[in-house]
C-alpha atoms as a PDB file:
ATOM      1  CA  MET A   1     113.108  80.418  84.776  1.00  0.00           C
ATOM      2  CA  SER A   2     111.180  80.467  87.880  1.00  0.00           C
ATOM      3  CA  ALA A   3     110.821  77.424  90.694  1.00  0.00           C
ATOM      4  CA  LEU A   4     107.285  77.327  92.286  1.00  0.00           C
ATOM      5  CA  HIS A   5     107.722  75.654  95.801  1.00  0.00           C
ATOM      6  CA  THR A   6     104.754  74.772  98.401  1.00  0.00           C
ATOM      7  CA  TYR A   7     105.194  73.965 101.865  1.00  0.00           C
ATOM      8  CA  ARG A   8     102.915  73.717 105.168  1.00  0.00           C
ATOM      9  CA  LEU A   9     103.604  75.311 108.004  1.00  0.00           C
ATOM     10  CA  GLU A  10     101.973  75.283 111.799  1.00  0.00           C
ATOM     11  CA  TRP A  11     102.837  78.208 113.946  1.00  0.00           C
ATOM     12  CA  GLN A  12     100.925  78.364 117.075  1.00  0.00           C
ATOM     13  CA  GLY A  13      98.376  75.603 116.298  1.00  0.00           C
ATOM     14  CA  ILE A  14      97.259  77.813 113.037  1.00  0.00           C
ATOM     15  CA  GLY A  15      98.590  75.835 110.094  1.00  0.00           C
ATOM     16  CA  MET A  16      98.928  77.799 107.090  1.00  0.00           C
ATOM     17  CA  THR A  17     100.179  77.165 103.512  1.00  0.00           C
ATOM     18  CA  ILE A  18     103.148  78.667 102.050  1.00  0.00           C
ATOM     19  CA  THR A  19     103.862  79.045  97.998  1.00  0.00           C
ATOM     20  CA  HIS A  20     107.158  80.280  97.127  1.00  0.00           C
ATOM     21  CA  ALA A  21     107.592  81.238  93.278  1.00  0.00           C
ATOM     22  CA  GLN A  22     111.544  82.024  92.801  1.00  0.00           C
ATOM     23  CA  ASN A  23     112.889  84.155  90.628  1.00  0.00           C
ATOM     24  CA  GLN A  24     109.260  85.676  89.868  1.00  0.00           C
ATOM     25  CA  LEU A  25     109.460  88.024  86.736  1.00  0.00           C
ATOM     26  CA  GLY A  26     113.054  87.000  86.368  1.00  0.00           C
ATOM     27  CA  ILE A  27     114.284  89.500  89.745  1.00  0.00           C
ATOM     28  CA  ILE A  28     112.132  88.759  92.247  1.00  0.00           C
ATOM     29  CA  ASP A  29     110.732  86.261  94.556  1.00  0.00           C
ATOM     30  CA  HIS A  30     106.704  85.791  95.604  1.00  0.00           C
ATOM     31  CA  ILE A  31     105.699  84.377  98.690  1.00  0.00           C
ATOM     32  CA  GLU A  32     102.163  83.709  99.450  1.00  0.00           C
ATOM     33  CA  ILE A  33     100.555  82.759 102.839  1.00  0.00           C
ATOM     34  CA  ARG A  34      96.836  81.475 103.554  1.00  0.00           C
ATOM     35  CA  THR A  35      95.824  80.253 106.737  1.00  0.00           C
ATOM     36  CA  ASP A  36      93.586  77.430 107.559  1.00  0.00           C
ATOM     37  CA  GLY A  37      90.122  79.085 107.921  1.00  0.00           C
ATOM     38  CA  ASN A  38      91.269  82.509 107.608  1.00  0.00           C
ATOM     39  CA  ARG A  39      92.692  82.961 110.958  1.00  0.00           C
ATOM     40  CA  PRO A  40      94.765  86.271 111.592  1.00  0.00           C
ATOM     41  CA  ILE A  41      98.260  85.789 112.102  1.00  0.00           C
ATOM     42  CA  PRO A  42     101.121  88.627 113.434  1.00  0.00           C
ATOM     43  CA  ILE A  43     101.682  89.546 109.170  1.00  0.00           C
ATOM     44  CA  THR A  44      97.902  89.646 108.237  1.00  0.00           C
ATOM     45  CA  GLU A  45      94.632  89.939 110.205  1.00  0.00           C
ATOM     46  CA  THR A  46      92.719  87.956 107.281  1.00  0.00           C
ATOM     47  CA  GLY A  47      94.684  85.060 107.345  1.00  0.00           C
ATOM     48  CA  TYR A  48      96.240  85.775 103.409  1.00  0.00           C
ATOM     49  CA  ARG A  49      99.352  87.571 102.322  1.00  0.00           C
ATOM     50  CA  SER A  50     101.171  88.077  99.459  1.00  0.00           C
ATOM     51  CA  HIS A  51     104.674  89.291  99.515  1.00  0.00           C
ATOM     52  CA  PHE A  52     107.140  90.578  97.086  1.00  0.00           C
ATOM     53  CA  LEU A  53     110.994  90.558  97.963  1.00  0.00           C
ATOM     54  CA  ASP A  54     114.624  89.984  97.056  1.00  0.00           C
ATOM     55  CA  GLY A  55     115.635  85.867  97.298  1.00  0.00           C
ATOM     56  CA  GLN A  56     118.573  86.763  98.759  1.00  0.00           C
ATOM     57  CA  LEU A  57     116.530  87.319 101.865  1.00  0.00           C
ATOM     58  CA  VAL A  58     115.492  83.721 101.572  1.00  0.00           C
ATOM     59  CA  GLU A  59     118.260  82.376 101.221  1.00  0.00           C
ATOM     60  CA  PRO A  60     119.674  82.457 105.040  1.00  0.00           C
ATOM     61  CA  TYR A  61     116.970  80.275 106.153  1.00  0.00           C
ATOM     62  CA  GLY A  62     117.424  77.758 103.565  1.00  0.00           C
ATOM     63  CA  THR A  63     113.474  77.348 102.350  1.00  0.00           C
ATOM     64  CA  ALA A  64     110.372  79.716 102.293  1.00  0.00           C
ATOM     65  CA  ASP A  65     108.438  78.318 105.207  1.00  0.00           C
ATOM     66  CA  ALA A  66     111.631  78.717 107.734  1.00  0.00           C
ATOM     67  CA  PHE A  67     111.996  82.425 106.582  1.00  0.00           C
ATOM     68  CA  VAL A  68     107.966  82.466 106.767  1.00  0.00           C
ATOM     69  CA  LYS A  69     108.225  81.053 110.745  1.00  0.00           C
ATOM     70  CA  SER A  70     111.348  83.415 111.573  1.00  0.00           C
ATOM     71  CA  TRP A  71     109.617  85.999 110.396  1.00  0.00           C
ATOM     72  CA  LEU A  72     106.019  85.349 112.280  1.00  0.00           C
ATOM     73  CA  ASP A  73     108.157  84.702 115.619  1.00  0.00           C
ATOM     74  CA  GLU A  74     109.723  88.368 115.029  1.00  0.00           C
ATOM     75  CA  GLU A  75     106.095  89.852 114.658  1.00  0.00           C
ATOM     76  CA  ALA A  76     104.543  88.002 117.056  1.00  0.00           C
ATOM     77  CA  SER A  77     106.393  89.831 119.819  1.00  0.00           C
ATOM     78  CA  SER A  78     104.802  92.933 118.574  1.00  0.00           C
ATOM     79  CA  SER A  79     102.579  94.945 121.180  1.00  0.00           C
ATOM     80  CA  ASP A  80      99.622  94.914 118.362  1.00  0.00           C
ATOM     81  CA  TRP A  81     100.000  90.780 118.204  1.00  0.00           C
ATOM     82  CA  GLN A  82     100.552  90.520 121.942  1.00  0.00           C
ATOM     83  CA  GLN A  83      97.076  92.750 122.836  1.00  0.00           C
ATOM     84  CA  GLN A  84      95.218  91.139 120.277  1.00  0.00           C
ATOM     85  CA  GLN A  85      96.192  87.773 122.202  1.00  0.00           C
ATOM     86  CA  ASP A  86      95.336  88.738 125.045  1.00  0.00           C
ATOM     87  CA  ALA A  87      91.680  89.953 124.131  1.00  0.00           C
ATOM     88  CA  GLN A  88      90.849  86.634 122.690  1.00  0.00           C
ATOM     89  CA  ARG A  89      91.964  84.735 126.063  1.00  0.00           C
ATOM     90  CA  GLN A  90      89.950  87.049 127.807  1.00  0.00           C
ATOM     91  CA  LEU A  91      87.037  86.289 125.196  1.00  0.00           C
ATOM     92  CA  SER A  92      87.485  82.616 125.554  1.00  0.00           C
ATOM     93  CA  LEU A  93      86.741  83.018 129.099  1.00  0.00           C
ATOM     94  CA  PHE A  94      83.030  83.439 128.701  1.00  0.00           C
END
């Protein structure tokens, strides 16, 4: 039997809703992430991400929002995300 949980997360000033369907299809979990205003985050340029994964990957974090926060923190260190953030800061000067 699957369970559905919904969380709110604010990450670096970006609000988002995270929906976690545990044991989807009897074998995997499904996490759906939607940012407020479709703002980009390191794991999606469109503000929407649908991700299927082994539920055991979420367990060490306790909840899906903690898992997603850790995922975002890790991906935020990528050079692509850093360059995008630098470009946005430059544009905000004018």
